[in-house]
């Protein structure tokens, strides 16, 4: 990229963030993904206005849209990691424990919990909305490749793990969509990461991609979460 193109790209990013609503959207996506409708509701704006702001942010390369693997009619907005190196999370969270949740609690959530232990002293657990009998063999292989300890873990149901004071991080669209309303009603703090299910492709590469996606998110989230006092 030549200097002129770089300046134009930087100017486009600054212009996109010059609007308070778009800056609020970026702030909301710093730690987790969200659907356009959820963001519109949170910010108190119409869906048409949200669509306009999303288009500007997409054009500036700040966000991308991913299709839900649960309800295919839905999509989520994701902040493009690294686009805004000058931005640090403005959100600071206090939690007695972080709980990573996916449908089967056999891959993404298990890897996330193991990675969290390497990055934070805040206690961690994982659970599934429909837990499998055991951790996926390729998830175990991915963990071994990266020196993570998950071999002694067992999938557990959400009902047996969650408390209202936990910070819940769903790493699966299906689990998010299943728990979204319940967590909101209970007032349980929650974030969502729209990470594709590696078991759908069932290859070592797919599990490695999922591992890298989880790792990048945890490296961003861990510094923003501290223990409750």
C-alpha atoms as a PDB file:
ATOM      1  CA  UNK A   1       0.000   0.000   0.000  1.00  0.00           C
ATOM      2  CA  UNK A   2       1.487   3.388  -0.989  1.00  0.00           C
ATOM      3  CA  UNK A   3       1.518   6.402   1.323  1.00  0.00           C
ATOM      4  CA  UNK A   4      -1.392   8.102  -0.453  1.00  0.00           C
ATOM      5  CA  UNK A   5      -3.619   5.035  -0.104  1.00  0.00           C
ATOM      6  CA  UNK A   6      -2.644   4.689   3.553  1.00  0.00           C
ATOM      7  CA  UNK A   7      -3.594   8.296   4.266  1.00  0.00           C
ATOM      8  CA  UNK A   8      -6.923   7.832   2.481  1.00  0.00           C
ATOM      9  CA  UNK A   9      -7.700   4.716   4.518  1.00  0.00           C
ATOM     10  CA  UNK A  10      -6.814   6.448   7.778  1.00  0.00           C
ATOM     11  CA  UNK A  11      -8.981   9.411   6.793  1.00  0.00           C
ATOM     12  CA  UNK A  12     -11.908   7.079   6.035  1.00  0.00           C
ATOM     13  CA  UNK A  13     -11.562   5.477   9.473  1.00  0.00           C
ATOM     14  CA  UNK A  14     -11.422   8.836  11.214  1.00  0.00           C
ATOM     15  CA  UNK A  15     -14.418  10.076   9.224  1.00  0.00           C
ATOM     16  CA  UNK A  16     -16.409   6.954  10.086  1.00  0.00           C
ATOM     17  CA  UNK A  17     -15.670   7.413  13.782  1.00  0.00           C
ATOM     18  CA  UNK A  18     -16.525  11.107  13.678  1.00  0.00           C
ATOM     19  CA  UNK A  19     -20.199  10.289  14.211  1.00  0.00           C
ATOM     20  CA  UNK A  20     -21.204   9.623  17.876  1.00  0.00           C
ATOM     21  CA  UNK A  21     -23.523   6.765  16.929  1.00  0.00           C
ATOM     22  CA  UNK A  22     -20.888   4.967  14.859  1.00  0.00           C
ATOM     23  CA  UNK A  23     -18.339   5.441  17.624  1.00  0.00           C
ATOM     24  CA  UNK A  24     -20.869   3.910  20.039  1.00  0.00           C
ATOM     25  CA  UNK A  25     -21.264   0.923  17.692  1.00  0.00           C
ATOM     26  CA  UNK A  26     -17.497   0.369  17.644  1.00  0.00           C
ATOM     27  CA  UNK A  27     -17.351   0.668  21.451  1.00  0.00           C
ATOM     28  CA  UNK A  28     -20.111  -1.934  21.720  1.00  0.00           C
ATOM     29  CA  UNK A  29     -18.179  -4.345  19.464  1.00  0.00           C
ATOM     30  CA  UNK A  30     -14.810  -4.020  21.188  1.00  0.00           C
ATOM     31  CA  UNK A  31     -15.361  -7.091  23.361  1.00  0.00           C
ATOM     32  CA  UNK A  32     -18.061  -9.063  21.558  1.00  0.00           C
ATOM     33  CA  UNK A  33     -20.190  -9.422  18.430  1.00  0.00           C
ATOM     34  CA  UNK A  34     -23.806  -8.248  18.178  1.00  0.00           C
ATOM     35  CA  UNK A  35     -26.645  -8.299  15.683  1.00  0.00           C
ATOM     36  CA  UNK A  36     -27.606  -4.994  14.000  1.00  0.00           C
ATOM     37  CA  UNK A  37     -31.074  -5.183  15.578  1.00  0.00           C
ATOM     38  CA  UNK A  38     -29.612  -5.623  19.067  1.00  0.00           C
ATOM     39  CA  UNK A  39     -27.323  -2.640  18.544  1.00  0.00           C
ATOM     40  CA  UNK A  40     -30.171  -0.520  17.196  1.00  0.00           C
ATOM     41  CA  UNK A  41     -32.231  -1.352  20.274  1.00  0.00           C
ATOM     42  CA  UNK A  42     -29.324  -0.609  22.616  1.00  0.00           C
ATOM     43  CA  UNK A  43     -28.644   2.751  20.964  1.00  0.00           C
ATOM     44  CA  UNK A  44     -32.304   3.683  20.553  1.00  0.00           C
ATOM     45  CA  UNK A  45     -32.228   4.208  16.785  1.00  0.00           C
ATOM     46  CA  UNK A  46     -34.264   2.852  13.875  1.00  0.00           C
ATOM     47  CA  UNK A  47     -33.191  -0.147  11.821  1.00  0.00           C
ATOM     48  CA  UNK A  48     -32.857   2.046   8.713  1.00  0.00           C
ATOM     49  CA  UNK A  49     -30.494   4.428  10.476  1.00  0.00           C
ATOM     50  CA  UNK A  50     -28.507   1.503  11.870  1.00  0.00           C
ATOM     51  CA  UNK A  51     -28.188   0.060   8.355  1.00  0.00           C
ATOM     52  CA  UNK A  52     -26.747   3.385   7.164  1.00  0.00           C
ATOM     53  CA  UNK A  53     -24.174   3.497   9.965  1.00  0.00           C
ATOM     54  CA  UNK A  54     -23.183  -0.138   9.415  1.00  0.00           C
ATOM     55  CA  UNK A  55     -22.634   0.545   5.711  1.00  0.00           C
ATOM     56  CA  UNK A  56     -20.271   3.414   6.545  1.00  0.00           C
ATOM     57  CA  UNK A  57     -18.348   1.311   9.058  1.00  0.00           C
ATOM     58  CA  UNK A  58     -18.078  -1.581   6.594  1.00  0.00           C
ATOM     59  CA  UNK A  59     -16.807   0.750   3.859  1.00  0.00           C
ATOM     60  CA  UNK A  60     -14.108   2.013   6.219  1.00  0.00           C
ATOM     61  CA  UNK A  61     -13.065  -1.569   6.986  1.00  0.00           C
ATOM     62  CA  UNK A  62     -13.979  -1.277  10.647  1.00  0.00           C
ATOM     63  CA  UNK A  63     -16.614  -4.007  10.863  1.00  0.00           C
ATOM     64  CA  UNK A  64     -17.687  -7.078   8.938  1.00  0.00           C
ATOM     65  CA  UNK A  65     -20.909  -9.049   8.897  1.00  0.00           C
ATOM     66  CA  UNK A  66     -21.077 -12.806   9.560  1.00  0.00           C
ATOM     67  CA  UNK A  67     -24.103 -15.060   9.052  1.00  0.00           C
ATOM     68  CA  UNK A  68     -25.424 -16.881  12.110  1.00  0.00           C
ATOM     69  CA  UNK A  69     -24.833 -20.621  12.146  1.00  0.00           C
ATOM     70  CA  UNK A  70     -27.938 -20.952  14.326  1.00  0.00           C
ATOM     71  CA  UNK A  71     -30.745 -18.881  12.827  1.00  0.00           C
ATOM     72  CA  UNK A  72     -29.589 -18.335   9.234  1.00  0.00           C
ATOM     73  CA  UNK A  73     -31.848 -15.297   8.947  1.00  0.00           C
ATOM     74  CA  UNK A  74     -29.683 -13.449  11.455  1.00  0.00           C
ATOM     75  CA  UNK A  75     -26.257 -11.920  11.103  1.00  0.00           C
ATOM     76  CA  UNK A  76     -23.723 -10.483  13.516  1.00  0.00           C
ATOM     77  CA  UNK A  77     -21.393  -7.533  13.278  1.00  0.00           C
ATOM     78  CA  UNK A  78     -17.755  -8.079  14.181  1.00  0.00           C
ATOM     79  CA  UNK A  79     -15.063  -5.485  14.736  1.00  0.00           C
ATOM     80  CA  UNK A  80     -12.112  -6.182  12.460  1.00  0.00           C
ATOM     81  CA  UNK A  81      -9.338  -6.927  14.927  1.00  0.00           C
ATOM     82  CA  UNK A  82      -6.275  -4.766  14.358  1.00  0.00           C
ATOM     83  CA  UNK A  83      -8.025  -2.083  12.315  1.00  0.00           C
ATOM     84  CA  UNK A  84      -7.987   0.267  15.263  1.00  0.00           C
ATOM     85  CA  UNK A  85      -4.693  -0.338  16.998  1.00  0.00           C
ATOM     86  CA  UNK A  86      -4.994   3.081  18.591  1.00  0.00           C
ATOM     87  CA  UNK A  87      -8.208   2.070  20.326  1.00  0.00           C
ATOM     88  CA  UNK A  88      -8.170   0.219  23.601  1.00  0.00           C
ATOM     89  CA  UNK A  89     -11.307  -1.126  25.245  1.00  0.00           C
ATOM     90  CA  UNK A  90     -13.181   1.626  27.054  1.00  0.00           C
ATOM     91  CA  UNK A  91     -15.163  -1.024  28.911  1.00  0.00           C
ATOM     92  CA  UNK A  92     -13.843  -2.353  32.195  1.00  0.00           C
ATOM     93  CA  UNK A  93     -15.655  -5.351  33.655  1.00  0.00           C
ATOM     94  CA  UNK A  94     -15.575  -6.891  37.113  1.00  0.00           C
ATOM     95  CA  UNK A  95     -16.618 -10.514  37.437  1.00  0.00           C
ATOM     96  CA  UNK A  96     -16.210 -13.218  40.074  1.00  0.00           C
ATOM     97  CA  UNK A  97     -15.981 -15.785  37.279  1.00  0.00           C
ATOM     98  CA  UNK A  98     -16.070 -16.025  33.484  1.00  0.00           C
ATOM     99  CA  UNK A  99     -18.086 -18.850  31.921  1.00  0.00           C
ATOM    100  CA  UNK A 100     -17.627 -19.754  28.253  1.00  0.00           C
ATOM    101  CA  UNK A 101     -20.669 -21.405  26.681  1.00  0.00           C
ATOM    102  CA  UNK A 102     -21.320 -23.216  23.414  1.00  0.00           C
ATOM    103  CA  UNK A 103     -23.885 -25.800  22.395  1.00  0.00           C
ATOM    104  CA  UNK A 104     -21.982 -29.010  23.103  1.00  0.00           C
ATOM    105  CA  UNK A 105     -19.228 -27.698  25.412  1.00  0.00           C
ATOM    106  CA  UNK A 106     -16.891 -29.989  23.515  1.00  0.00           C
ATOM    107  CA  UNK A 107     -14.589 -27.653  21.577  1.00  0.00           C
ATOM    108  CA  UNK A 108     -14.759 -23.839  21.450  1.00  0.00           C
ATOM    109  CA  UNK A 109     -15.848 -23.262  25.054  1.00  0.00           C
ATOM    110  CA  UNK A 110     -13.355 -25.807  26.395  1.00  0.00           C
ATOM    111  CA  UNK A 111     -10.481 -24.247  24.465  1.00  0.00           C
ATOM    112  CA  UNK A 112     -11.605 -20.796  25.590  1.00  0.00           C
ATOM    113  CA  UNK A 113     -11.611 -21.782  29.271  1.00  0.00           C
ATOM    114  CA  UNK A 114      -8.156 -23.338  28.973  1.00  0.00           C
ATOM    115  CA  UNK A 115      -6.778 -20.273  27.198  1.00  0.00           C
ATOM    116  CA  UNK A 116      -8.374 -17.974  29.768  1.00  0.00           C
ATOM    117  CA  UNK A 117      -6.410 -19.669  32.550  1.00  0.00           C
ATOM    118  CA  UNK A 118      -3.212 -18.677  30.739  1.00  0.00           C
ATOM    119  CA  UNK A 119      -4.250 -15.028  30.408  1.00  0.00           C
ATOM    120  CA  UNK A 120      -6.181 -14.156  33.570  1.00  0.00           C
ATOM    121  CA  UNK A 121      -6.389 -14.877  37.283  1.00  0.00           C
ATOM    122  CA  UNK A 122     -10.173 -14.466  37.206  1.00  0.00           C
ATOM    123  CA  UNK A 123     -11.758 -17.917  37.757  1.00  0.00           C
ATOM    124  CA  UNK A 124     -13.223 -19.593  34.684  1.00  0.00           C
ATOM    125  CA  UNK A 125     -15.589 -22.423  33.766  1.00  0.00           C
ATOM    126  CA  UNK A 126     -17.330 -23.681  30.635  1.00  0.00           C
ATOM    127  CA  UNK A 127     -20.724 -25.220  29.874  1.00  0.00           C
ATOM    128  CA  UNK A 128     -23.031 -26.279  27.061  1.00  0.00           C
ATOM    129  CA  UNK A 129     -26.700 -25.782  26.311  1.00  0.00           C
ATOM    130  CA  UNK A 130     -26.789 -29.386  25.046  1.00  0.00           C
ATOM    131  CA  UNK A 131     -23.520 -30.879  26.288  1.00  0.00           C
ATOM    132  CA  UNK A 132     -21.855 -33.751  24.468  1.00  0.00           C
ATOM    133  CA  UNK A 133     -20.628 -36.860  26.256  1.00  0.00           C
ATOM    134  CA  UNK A 134     -16.993 -35.946  25.771  1.00  0.00           C
ATOM    135  CA  UNK A 135     -14.644 -33.343  24.367  1.00  0.00           C
ATOM    136  CA  UNK A 136     -14.187 -33.572  20.613  1.00  0.00           C
ATOM    137  CA  UNK A 137     -11.011 -35.529  19.735  1.00  0.00           C
ATOM    138  CA  UNK A 138      -9.817 -32.794  17.375  1.00  0.00           C
ATOM    139  CA  UNK A 139     -10.288 -30.205  20.133  1.00  0.00           C
ATOM    140  CA  UNK A 140      -8.086 -32.345  22.370  1.00  0.00           C
ATOM    141  CA  UNK A 141      -5.516 -32.536  19.580  1.00  0.00           C
ATOM    142  CA  UNK A 142      -5.582 -28.754  19.127  1.00  0.00           C
ATOM    143  CA  UNK A 143      -5.147 -28.305  22.875  1.00  0.00           C
ATOM    144  CA  UNK A 144      -2.135 -30.617  22.899  1.00  0.00           C
ATOM    145  CA  UNK A 145      -0.561 -28.727  20.000  1.00  0.00           C
ATOM    146  CA  UNK A 146      -0.729 -25.544  22.076  1.00  0.00           C
ATOM    147  CA  UNK A 147       0.118 -27.078  25.460  1.00  0.00           C
ATOM    148  CA  UNK A 148      -3.357 -26.544  26.900  1.00  0.00           C
ATOM    149  CA  UNK A 149      -4.781 -28.798  29.600  1.00  0.00           C
ATOM    150  CA  UNK A 150      -8.317 -29.851  28.713  1.00  0.00           C
ATOM    151  CA  UNK A 151      -8.020 -33.646  28.797  1.00  0.00           C
ATOM    152  CA  UNK A 152      -9.493 -33.911  32.300  1.00  0.00           C
ATOM    153  CA  UNK A 153     -12.438 -31.604  31.584  1.00  0.00           C
ATOM    154  CA  UNK A 154     -15.929 -32.933  30.947  1.00  0.00           C
ATOM    155  CA  UNK A 155     -18.838 -31.228  29.137  1.00  0.00           C
ATOM    156  CA  UNK A 156     -21.361 -29.831  31.617  1.00  0.00           C
ATOM    157  CA  UNK A 157     -24.906 -28.436  31.261  1.00  0.00           C
ATOM    158  CA  UNK A 158     -25.426 -24.698  31.618  1.00  0.00           C
ATOM    159  CA  UNK A 159     -27.963 -25.160  34.419  1.00  0.00           C
ATOM    160  CA  UNK A 160     -25.334 -26.864  36.576  1.00  0.00           C
ATOM    161  CA  UNK A 161     -22.695 -24.195  36.062  1.00  0.00           C
ATOM    162  CA  UNK A 162     -24.085 -20.681  35.631  1.00  0.00           C
ATOM    163  CA  UNK A 163     -24.894 -18.195  38.371  1.00  0.00           C
ATOM    164  CA  UNK A 164     -26.401 -14.751  37.872  1.00  0.00           C
ATOM    165  CA  UNK A 165     -23.130 -13.045  38.823  1.00  0.00           C
ATOM    166  CA  UNK A 166     -20.997 -14.845  36.217  1.00  0.00           C
ATOM    167  CA  UNK A 167     -19.785 -13.059  33.104  1.00  0.00           C
ATOM    168  CA  UNK A 168     -21.096 -15.315  30.339  1.00  0.00           C
ATOM    169  CA  UNK A 169     -19.286 -15.426  26.996  1.00  0.00           C
ATOM    170  CA  UNK A 170     -21.131 -17.427  24.353  1.00  0.00           C
ATOM    171  CA  UNK A 171     -18.784 -18.642  21.622  1.00  0.00           C
ATOM    172  CA  UNK A 172     -21.531 -20.279  19.564  1.00  0.00           C
ATOM    173  CA  UNK A 173     -24.384 -18.589  17.692  1.00  0.00           C
ATOM    174  CA  UNK A 174     -26.856 -21.319  18.596  1.00  0.00           C
ATOM    175  CA  UNK A 175     -26.096 -21.074  22.320  1.00  0.00           C
ATOM    176  CA  UNK A 176     -26.268 -17.292  22.197  1.00  0.00           C
ATOM    177  CA  UNK A 177     -29.643 -17.299  20.517  1.00  0.00           C
ATOM    178  CA  UNK A 178     -30.948 -19.907  22.943  1.00  0.00           C
ATOM    179  CA  UNK A 179     -29.770 -18.051  26.061  1.00  0.00           C
ATOM    180  CA  UNK A 180     -29.995 -14.411  24.975  1.00  0.00           C
ATOM    181  CA  UNK A 181     -33.448 -13.648  26.378  1.00  0.00           C
ATOM    182  CA  UNK A 182     -32.998 -15.676  29.564  1.00  0.00           C
ATOM    183  CA  UNK A 183     -29.688 -14.012  30.427  1.00  0.00           C
ATOM    184  CA  UNK A 184     -31.156 -10.570  29.786  1.00  0.00           C
ATOM    185  CA  UNK A 185     -34.145 -11.296  32.019  1.00  0.00           C
ATOM    186  CA  UNK A 186     -31.889 -12.554  34.793  1.00  0.00           C
ATOM    187  CA  UNK A 187     -29.587  -9.551  34.449  1.00  0.00           C
ATOM    188  CA  UNK A 188     -26.594 -11.805  33.868  1.00  0.00           C
ATOM    189  CA  UNK A 189     -23.743  -9.926  32.152  1.00  0.00           C
ATOM    190  CA  UNK A 190     -23.006 -11.514  28.796  1.00  0.00           C
ATOM    191  CA  UNK A 191     -20.883 -11.165  25.674  1.00  0.00           C
ATOM    192  CA  UNK A 192     -21.104 -13.050  22.392  1.00  0.00           C
ATOM    193  CA  UNK A 193     -18.357 -14.180  20.020  1.00  0.00           C
ATOM    194  CA  UNK A 194     -19.582 -15.482  16.673  1.00  0.00           C
ATOM    195  CA  UNK A 195     -17.003 -18.214  16.088  1.00  0.00           C
ATOM    196  CA  UNK A 196     -17.768 -20.873  13.418  1.00  0.00           C
ATOM    197  CA  UNK A 197     -18.242 -24.436  14.640  1.00  0.00           C
ATOM    198  CA  UNK A 198     -15.081 -26.394  13.739  1.00  0.00           C
ATOM    199  CA  UNK A 199     -16.920 -29.702  14.156  1.00  0.00           C
ATOM    200  CA  UNK A 200     -19.056 -28.835  11.131  1.00  0.00           C
ATOM    201  CA  UNK A 201     -15.987 -29.296   8.915  1.00  0.00           C
ATOM    202  CA  UNK A 202     -14.260 -31.701  11.281  1.00  0.00           C
ATOM    203  CA  UNK A 203     -10.722 -31.069  10.081  1.00  0.00           C
ATOM    204  CA  UNK A 204      -7.592 -30.181  12.026  1.00  0.00           C
ATOM    205  CA  UNK A 205      -7.439 -26.934  10.065  1.00  0.00           C
ATOM    206  CA  UNK A 206     -10.961 -25.940  11.132  1.00  0.00           C
ATOM    207  CA  UNK A 207     -10.118 -26.554  14.778  1.00  0.00           C
ATOM    208  CA  UNK A 208      -6.895 -24.582  14.410  1.00  0.00           C
ATOM    209  CA  UNK A 209      -8.846 -21.657  12.919  1.00  0.00           C
ATOM    210  CA  UNK A 210     -11.295 -21.809  15.829  1.00  0.00           C
ATOM    211  CA  UNK A 211      -8.416 -21.917  18.305  1.00  0.00           C
ATOM    212  CA  UNK A 212      -6.804 -18.838  16.761  1.00  0.00           C
ATOM    213  CA  UNK A 213     -10.117 -16.956  16.760  1.00  0.00           C
ATOM    214  CA  UNK A 214     -10.719 -17.754  20.430  1.00  0.00           C
ATOM    215  CA  UNK A 215      -7.144 -16.856  21.337  1.00  0.00           C
ATOM    216  CA  UNK A 216      -7.371 -13.435  19.664  1.00  0.00           C
ATOM    217  CA  UNK A 217     -10.617 -12.631  21.458  1.00  0.00           C
ATOM    218  CA  UNK A 218      -9.288 -13.677  24.859  1.00  0.00           C
ATOM    219  CA  UNK A 219      -6.161 -11.578  24.401  1.00  0.00           C
ATOM    220  CA  UNK A 220      -8.471  -8.574  23.961  1.00  0.00           C
ATOM    221  CA  UNK A 221     -10.938  -9.447  26.714  1.00  0.00           C
ATOM    222  CA  UNK A 222      -8.657 -10.634  29.505  1.00  0.00           C
ATOM    223  CA  UNK A 223      -7.062  -7.213  30.219  1.00  0.00           C
ATOM    224  CA  UNK A 224     -10.540  -5.671  30.479  1.00  0.00           C
ATOM    225  CA  UNK A 225     -11.873  -8.092  33.120  1.00  0.00           C
ATOM    226  CA  UNK A 226     -10.880  -7.886  36.767  1.00  0.00           C
ATOM    227  CA  UNK A 227     -12.030  -9.726  39.874  1.00  0.00           C
ATOM    228  CA  UNK A 228     -14.837  -8.397  42.039  1.00  0.00           C
ATOM    229  CA  UNK A 229     -13.870  -7.048  45.431  1.00  0.00           C
END
